[in-house]
C-alpha atoms as a PDB file:
ATOM      1  CA  MET A   1      40.372  -5.302 -41.082  1.00  0.00           C
ATOM      2  CA  PHE A   2      38.063  -4.489 -44.598  1.00  0.00           C
ATOM      3  CA  GLY A   3      38.060  -8.116 -45.880  1.00  0.00           C
ATOM      4  CA  ILE A   4      40.881  -7.644 -48.574  1.00  0.00           C
ATOM      5  CA  SER A   5      42.857 -10.018 -49.255  1.00  0.00           C
ATOM      6  CA  PHE A   6      46.305 -10.718 -50.446  1.00  0.00           C
ATOM      7  CA  SER A   7      45.271 -11.216 -54.004  1.00  0.00           C
ATOM      8  CA  GLU A   8      42.988  -8.669 -54.170  1.00  0.00           C
ATOM      9  CA  LEU A   9      45.799  -6.275 -53.143  1.00  0.00           C
ATOM     10  CA  LEU A  10      48.263  -7.617 -55.600  1.00  0.00           C
ATOM     11  CA  LEU A  11      45.791  -6.713 -58.049  1.00  0.00           C
ATOM     12  CA  VAL A  12      45.537  -3.328 -57.229  1.00  0.00           C
ATOM     13  CA  GLY A  13      48.962  -3.424 -57.028  1.00  0.00           C
ATOM     14  CA  LEU A  14      49.513  -4.395 -61.065  1.00  0.00           C
ATOM     15  CA  VAL A  15      46.215  -1.847 -62.387  1.00  0.00           C
ATOM     16  CA  ALA A  16      48.567   0.634 -60.484  1.00  0.00           C
ATOM     17  CA  LEU A  17      51.531  -0.526 -62.292  1.00  0.00           C
ATOM     18  CA  LEU A  18      49.737   0.171 -65.505  1.00  0.00           C
ATOM     19  CA  VAL A  19      47.987   3.004 -64.833  1.00  0.00           C
ATOM     20  CA  LEU A  20      50.912   5.215 -63.740  1.00  0.00           C
ATOM     21  CA  GLY A  21      54.148   3.185 -64.991  1.00  0.00           C
ATOM     22  CA  PRO A  22      56.421   2.377 -63.039  1.00  0.00           C
ATOM     23  CA  GLU A  23      58.228   6.001 -62.897  1.00  0.00           C
ATOM     24  CA  ARG A  24      55.038   7.505 -60.892  1.00  0.00           C
ATOM     25  CA  LEU A  25      53.976   4.173 -59.207  1.00  0.00           C
ATOM     26  CA  PRO A  26      56.582   5.175 -56.162  1.00  0.00           C
ATOM     27  CA  GLY A  27      56.045   8.472 -56.145  1.00  0.00           C
ATOM     28  CA  ALA A  28      52.055   7.600 -55.933  1.00  0.00           C
ATOM     29  CA  ALA A  29      52.340   5.049 -53.344  1.00  0.00           C
ATOM     30  CA  ARG A  30      54.326   7.588 -50.417  1.00  0.00           C
ATOM     31  CA  THR A  31      51.223  10.404 -51.176  1.00  0.00           C
ATOM     32  CA  ALA A  32      48.878   7.377 -50.861  1.00  0.00           C
ATOM     33  CA  GLY A  33      50.349   6.350 -47.587  1.00  0.00           C
ATOM     34  CA  LEU A  34      51.154   9.809 -46.231  1.00  0.00           C
ATOM     35  CA  TRP A  35      47.178  10.718 -46.848  1.00  0.00           C
ATOM     36  CA  VAL A  36      45.999   7.082 -44.940  1.00  0.00           C
ATOM     37  CA  GLY A  37      48.824   8.614 -41.782  1.00  0.00           C
ATOM     38  CA  ARG A  38      46.855  11.685 -41.944  1.00  0.00           C
ATOM     39  CA  LEU A  39      43.301   9.717 -42.086  1.00  0.00           C
ATOM     40  CA  LYS A  40      44.980   7.508 -39.311  1.00  0.00           C
ATOM     41  CA  ARG A  41      45.603  10.408 -36.468  1.00  0.00           C
ATOM     42  CA  SER A  42      42.772  12.475 -37.666  1.00  0.00           C
ATOM     43  CA  PHE A  43      40.484   9.822 -36.861  1.00  0.00           C
ATOM     44  CA  ASN A  44      42.687   8.946 -33.350  1.00  0.00           C
ATOM     45  CA  ALA A  45      42.256  12.658 -32.258  1.00  0.00           C
ATOM     46  CA  ILE A  46      38.493  12.368 -33.210  1.00  0.00           C
ATOM     47  CA  LYS A  47      38.610   9.301 -30.770  1.00  0.00           C
ATOM     48  CA  GLN A  48      40.585  10.875 -27.835  1.00  0.00           C
ATOM     49  CA  GLU A  49      38.179  14.041 -28.215  1.00  0.00           C
ATOM     50  CA  VAL A  50      35.033  12.190 -28.016  1.00  0.00           C
ATOM     51  CA  GLU A  51      36.680   9.526 -24.701  1.00  0.00           C
ATOM     52  CA  ARG A  52      37.568  12.781 -23.475  1.00  0.00           C
ATOM     53  CA  GLU A  53      34.137  14.415 -23.777  1.00  0.00           C
ATOM     54  CA  ILE A  54      32.388  11.386 -22.442  1.00  0.00           C
ATOM     55  CA  GLY A  55      34.328  11.807 -19.416  1.00  0.00           C
ATOM     56  CA  ALA A  56      33.753  15.136 -18.674  1.00  0.00           C
ATOM     57  CA  ASP A  57      30.274  14.153 -18.925  1.00  0.00           C
ATOM     58  CA  GLU A  58      30.469  11.210 -16.500  1.00  0.00           C
ATOM     59  CA  ILE A  59      32.267  13.739 -14.741  1.00  0.00           C
ATOM     60  CA  ARG A  60      29.433  16.795 -14.499  1.00  0.00           C
ATOM     61  CA  ARG A  61      27.132  14.123 -13.825  1.00  0.00           C
ATOM     62  CA  GLN A  62      28.340  12.344 -10.548  1.00  0.00           C
ATOM     63  CA  LEU A  63      29.074  16.010  -9.301  1.00  0.00           C
ATOM     64  CA  HIS A  64      25.549  17.073 -10.122  1.00  0.00           C
ATOM     65  CA  ASN A  65      24.303  14.033  -8.293  1.00  0.00           C
ATOM     66  CA  GLU A  66      26.880  14.539  -5.289  1.00  0.00           C
ATOM     67  CA  HIS A  67      25.082  18.580  -5.483  1.00  0.00           C
ATOM     68  CA  ILE A  68      21.599  17.024  -5.016  1.00  0.00           C
ATOM     69  CA  THR A  69      22.806  14.390  -1.941  1.00  0.00           C
ATOM     70  CA  SER A  70      24.181  16.924  -0.305  1.00  0.00           C
ATOM     71  CA  MET A  71      21.182  19.608  -0.543  1.00  0.00           C
ATOM     72  CA  GLU A  72      19.130  16.621   0.814  1.00  0.00           C
ATOM     73  CA  GLU A  73      21.294  16.155   3.800  1.00  0.00           C
ATOM     74  CA  GLU A  74      21.108  19.931   4.284  1.00  0.00           C
ATOM     75  CA  ALA A  75      17.689  19.723   4.175  1.00  0.00           C
ATOM     76  CA  LYS A  76      16.837  16.500   6.224  1.00  0.00           C
ATOM     77  CA  LYS A  77      19.638  18.423   8.897  1.00  0.00           C
ATOM     78  CA  ILE A  78      17.309  21.768   9.269  1.00  0.00           C
ATOM     79  CA  LEU A  79      13.754  19.578   9.657  1.00  0.00           C
ATOM     80  CA  ALA A  80      15.070  17.309  11.982  1.00  0.00           C
ATOM     81  CA  PRO A  81      14.477  19.750  14.847  1.00  0.00           C
ATOM     82  CA  LEU A  82      11.324  20.691  13.344  1.00  0.00           C
ATOM     83  CA  GLN A  83      10.282  16.871  13.015  1.00  0.00           C
ATOM     84  CA  ASP A  84      11.252  16.038  16.613  1.00  0.00           C
ATOM     85  CA  ALA A  85       9.270  18.946  18.246  1.00  0.00           C
ATOM     86  CA  VAL A  86       6.135  17.622  16.157  1.00  0.00           C
ATOM     87  CA  LYS A  87       5.776  14.387  17.806  1.00  0.00           C
ATOM     88  CA  PRO A  88       2.596  12.260  18.225  1.00  0.00           C
ATOM     89  CA  LEU A  89       1.107  12.809  21.489  1.00  0.00           C
ATOM     90  CA  THR A  90       0.453   9.613  23.700  1.00  0.00           C
ATOM     91  CA  PRO A  91      -3.804   9.576  24.561  1.00  0.00           C
ATOM     92  CA  VAL A  92      -3.875   9.874  28.267  1.00  0.00           C
ATOM     93  CA  GLU A  93      -6.276   6.987  29.972  1.00  0.00           C
ATOM     94  CA  PRO A  94      -8.772   8.177  31.993  1.00  0.00           C
ATOM     95  CA  PRO A  95      -8.582   7.002  35.425  1.00  0.00           C
ATOM     96  CA  ALA A  96     -10.499   3.778  36.153  1.00  0.00           C
ATOM     97  CA  THR A  97     -14.065   4.285  37.634  1.00  0.00           C
ATOM     98  CA  PRO A  98     -14.623   1.956  40.799  1.00  0.00           C
ATOM     99  CA  VAL A  99     -17.712  -0.180  40.274  1.00  0.00           C
ATOM    100  CA  ALA A 100     -20.886   0.364  42.332  1.00  0.00           C
ATOM    101  CA  ALA A 101     -21.706  -2.167  44.512  1.00  0.00           C
ATOM    102  CA  ALA A 102     -25.991  -1.394  44.412  1.00  0.00           C
ATOM    103  CA  PRO A 103     -27.480  -2.453  41.213  1.00  0.00           C
ATOM    104  CA  VAL A 104     -28.084   0.742  38.720  1.00  0.00           C
ATOM    105  CA  GLU A 105     -30.944   1.396  37.642  1.00  0.00           C
ATOM    106  CA  PRO A 106     -31.372   0.744  33.487  1.00  0.00           C
ATOM    107  CA  ALA A 107     -32.676   3.851  32.409  1.00  0.00           C
ATOM    108  CA  SER A 108     -32.813   5.409  28.594  1.00  0.00           C
ATOM    109  CA  PRO A 109     -29.378   5.050  27.185  1.00  0.00           C
ATOM    110  CA  ALA A 110     -27.593   8.332  27.839  1.00  0.00           C
ATOM    111  CA  PRO A 111     -25.879  10.219  24.999  1.00  0.00           C
ATOM    112  CA  VAL A 112     -21.877   9.843  25.083  1.00  0.00           C
ATOM    113  CA  SER A 113     -20.135  12.830  25.531  1.00  0.00           C
ATOM    114  CA  LEU A 114     -17.112  13.467  23.679  1.00  0.00           C
ATOM    115  CA  SER A 115     -15.567  15.744  25.537  1.00  0.00           C
ATOM    116  CA  LYS A 116     -15.104  13.656  28.962  1.00  0.00           C
ATOM    117  CA  THR A 117     -12.373  11.655  26.218  1.00  0.00           C
ATOM    118  CA  ALA A 118      -8.920  12.890  25.831  1.00  0.00           C
ATOM    119  CA  SER A 119      -8.412  14.412  22.181  1.00  0.00           C
ATOM    120  CA  VAL A 120      -5.287  14.207  20.678  1.00  0.00           C
ATOM    121  CA  PRO A 121      -4.872  16.268  17.454  1.00  0.00           C
ATOM    122  CA  ALA A 122      -3.755  14.271  14.875  1.00  0.00           C
ATOM    123  CA  PRO A 123      -0.150  15.273  13.577  1.00  0.00           C
ATOM    124  CA  GLN A 124      -0.280  17.428  10.790  1.00  0.00           C
ATOM    125  CA  THR A 125       1.749  16.042   7.354  1.00  0.00           C
ATOM    126  CA  PRO A 126       2.587  18.840   4.561  1.00  0.00           C
ATOM    127  CA  ALA A 127       0.628  18.580   1.027  1.00  0.00           C
ATOM    128  CA  PRO A 128       2.642  17.409  -1.367  1.00  0.00           C
ATOM    129  CA  HIS A 129       2.981  20.146  -2.821  1.00  0.00           C
ATOM    130  CA  ASP A 130       3.967  22.919   0.142  1.00  0.00           C
ATOM    131  CA  PRO A 131       6.155  25.657  -1.447  1.00  0.00           C
ATOM    132  CA  THR A 132       7.859  26.110   1.568  1.00  0.00           C
ATOM    133  CA  LEU A 133       9.559  22.513   0.818  1.00  0.00           C
ATOM    134  CA  PRO A 134      12.692  22.247  -0.865  1.00  0.00           C
ATOM    135  CA  PRO A 135      12.330  20.296  -4.184  1.00  0.00           C
ATOM    136  CA  ARG A 136      12.520  16.620  -4.649  1.00  0.00           C
ATOM    137  CA  ALA A 137      15.335  14.859  -6.071  1.00  0.00           C
ATOM    138  CA  PRO A 138      13.963  12.938  -9.637  1.00  0.00           C
END
């Protein structure tokens, strides 16, 4: 794990035997083992806590996304009748006039009157900054 070979461990053991002596070495080894066990347990507890937090964040994120999706669906249901009522009208063509058999004398061009044609108002779409609309999801 740390790249320590058996020969290095043997060297550390011999130095500990020389420094501590044969009477205190077993107690020191036991104490070192307890500390290593405590460190492992604390690292595992921290690791589990972090994994639990990450899982909780993921659940919160999913709930938030579901909430936004449900709000969008409700807005579509509310706006659907309004959009059906504002459907664009189809233009009505004027009736066809029969062509006269007699030649028409070319006079000065008459101004074209726009009032005779059927005018259809264009459907109005709300501005993107309309405060009456629900907020959009990012």
